[in-house]
């Protein structure tokens, strides 16, 4: 199960996404940020190796439809490569995260 921590750096997601419940918890945390009036959102994926299409779809919707500036930081090379393969590195201003 993922752990979600809000910090000055952004929304930190610890552990790997593996269940529908993880996605629903992530969606709820993102929604709370948006309801609070966030104009930008930095999501830091600490341990995720890959992300589901649902996660990408949610982030794409937030950026394209809601107009929120979404950026992603990743610590795992596999996730970085997945985002690169999807040609979303520039779109989400993806950076490598080092704790």
Protein backbone atom coordinates (compact mmCIF):
# COMPACT_ATOMS: atom_id res chain seq x y z
CA UNK A 1 0.00 0.00 0.00
CA UNK A 2 1.34 3.42 -0.92
CA UNK A 3 2.09 6.08 1.65
CA UNK A 4 1.29 9.67 0.68
CA UNK A 5 3.09 12.55 2.37
CA UNK A 6 2.53 16.23 1.67
CA UNK A 7 5.66 18.34 1.93
CA UNK A 8 7.06 21.65 0.72
CA UNK A 9 8.57 19.72 -2.21
CA UNK A 10 5.22 18.34 -3.29
CA UNK A 11 3.13 15.23 -2.93
CA UNK A 12 5.52 12.40 -2.04
CA UNK A 13 4.37 8.92 -2.96
CA UNK A 14 6.24 6.14 -1.17
CA UNK A 15 6.11 2.46 -2.10
CA UNK A 16 4.88 0.95 -5.35
CA UNK A 17 1.44 1.28 -6.90
CA UNK A 18 0.02 -2.21 -6.97
CA UNK A 19 -3.72 -2.07 -6.34
CA UNK A 20 -6.83 -0.17 -7.30
CA UNK A 21 -6.92 1.06 -3.70
CA UNK A 22 -3.50 2.68 -4.19
CA UNK A 23 -4.79 4.54 -7.24
CA UNK A 24 -7.94 5.67 -5.40
CA UNK A 25 -5.87 6.96 -2.47
CA UNK A 26 -3.61 8.84 -4.91
CA UNK A 27 -6.61 10.32 -6.73
CA UNK A 28 -8.11 11.44 -3.42
CA UNK A 29 -4.86 13.11 -2.29
CA UNK A 30 -4.52 14.92 -5.63
CA UNK A 31 -8.16 15.99 -5.45
CA UNK A 32 -7.68 17.45 -1.99
CA UNK A 33 -4.78 19.54 -3.29
CA UNK A 34 -6.87 20.83 -6.16
CA UNK A 35 -9.84 21.60 -3.90
CA UNK A 36 -7.48 23.64 -1.72
CA UNK A 37 -6.81 25.81 -4.79
CA UNK A 38 -3.43 24.47 -5.91
CA UNK A 39 -2.29 25.99 -9.21
CA UNK A 40 0.67 23.64 -9.46
CA UNK A 41 1.36 20.11 -8.34
CA UNK A 42 4.70 18.35 -8.05
CA UNK A 43 4.34 14.60 -7.59
CA UNK A 44 7.39 12.73 -6.31
CA UNK A 45 7.34 8.99 -6.91
CA UNK A 46 9.90 7.52 -4.51
CA UNK A 47 9.64 3.80 -5.18
CA UNK A 48 7.35 3.23 -8.15
CA UNK A 49 8.89 1.22 -10.98
CA UNK A 50 5.97 1.77 -13.37
CA UNK A 51 2.66 3.63 -13.34
CA UNK A 52 -0.69 2.53 -14.70
CA UNK A 53 -2.52 4.26 -17.49
CA UNK A 54 -5.03 5.44 -14.87
CA UNK A 55 -2.36 7.45 -13.06
CA UNK A 56 -1.12 9.00 -16.29
CA UNK A 57 -4.70 9.70 -17.38
CA UNK A 58 -5.44 11.51 -14.13
CA UNK A 59 -2.30 13.64 -14.38
CA UNK A 60 -2.98 14.42 -18.05
CA UNK A 61 -6.54 15.48 -17.22
CA UNK A 62 -5.37 17.73 -14.39
CA UNK A 63 -2.83 19.44 -16.61
CA UNK A 64 -4.84 19.68 -19.86
CA UNK A 65 -8.39 20.22 -18.63
CA UNK A 66 -8.01 21.69 -15.14
CA UNK A 67 -5.04 23.86 -16.15
CA UNK A 68 -2.87 22.88 -13.20
CA UNK A 69 0.89 22.91 -13.78
CA UNK A 70 1.86 19.29 -13.07
CA UNK A 71 5.47 18.19 -12.69
CA UNK A 72 6.85 14.79 -11.79
CA UNK A 73 9.98 13.70 -9.97
CA UNK A 74 11.05 10.05 -9.99
CA UNK A 75 13.71 8.14 -8.10
CA UNK A 76 13.56 4.88 -10.07
CA UNK A 77 15.19 4.54 -13.47
CA UNK A 78 12.47 2.17 -14.76
CA UNK A 79 9.76 4.75 -14.17
CA UNK A 80 11.85 7.45 -15.83
CA UNK A 81 12.27 5.17 -18.87
CA UNK A 82 8.50 4.46 -18.97
CA UNK A 83 7.73 8.18 -19.01
CA UNK A 84 10.40 8.71 -21.66
CA UNK A 85 8.88 5.90 -23.77
CA UNK A 86 5.48 7.62 -23.54
CA UNK A 87 7.16 10.86 -24.68
CA UNK A 88 5.98 12.74 -21.59
CA UNK A 89 9.31 13.89 -20.12
CA UNK A 90 8.98 17.49 -21.29
CA UNK A 91 5.21 17.62 -20.88
CA UNK A 92 5.49 16.85 -17.16
CA UNK A 93 8.94 18.46 -16.65
CA UNK A 94 10.18 15.14 -15.30
CA UNK A 95 13.26 15.21 -13.10
CA UNK A 96 15.26 12.53 -11.34
CA UNK A 97 14.69 12.77 -7.58
CA UNK A 98 17.46 12.15 -5.11
CA UNK A 99 16.46 12.21 -1.46
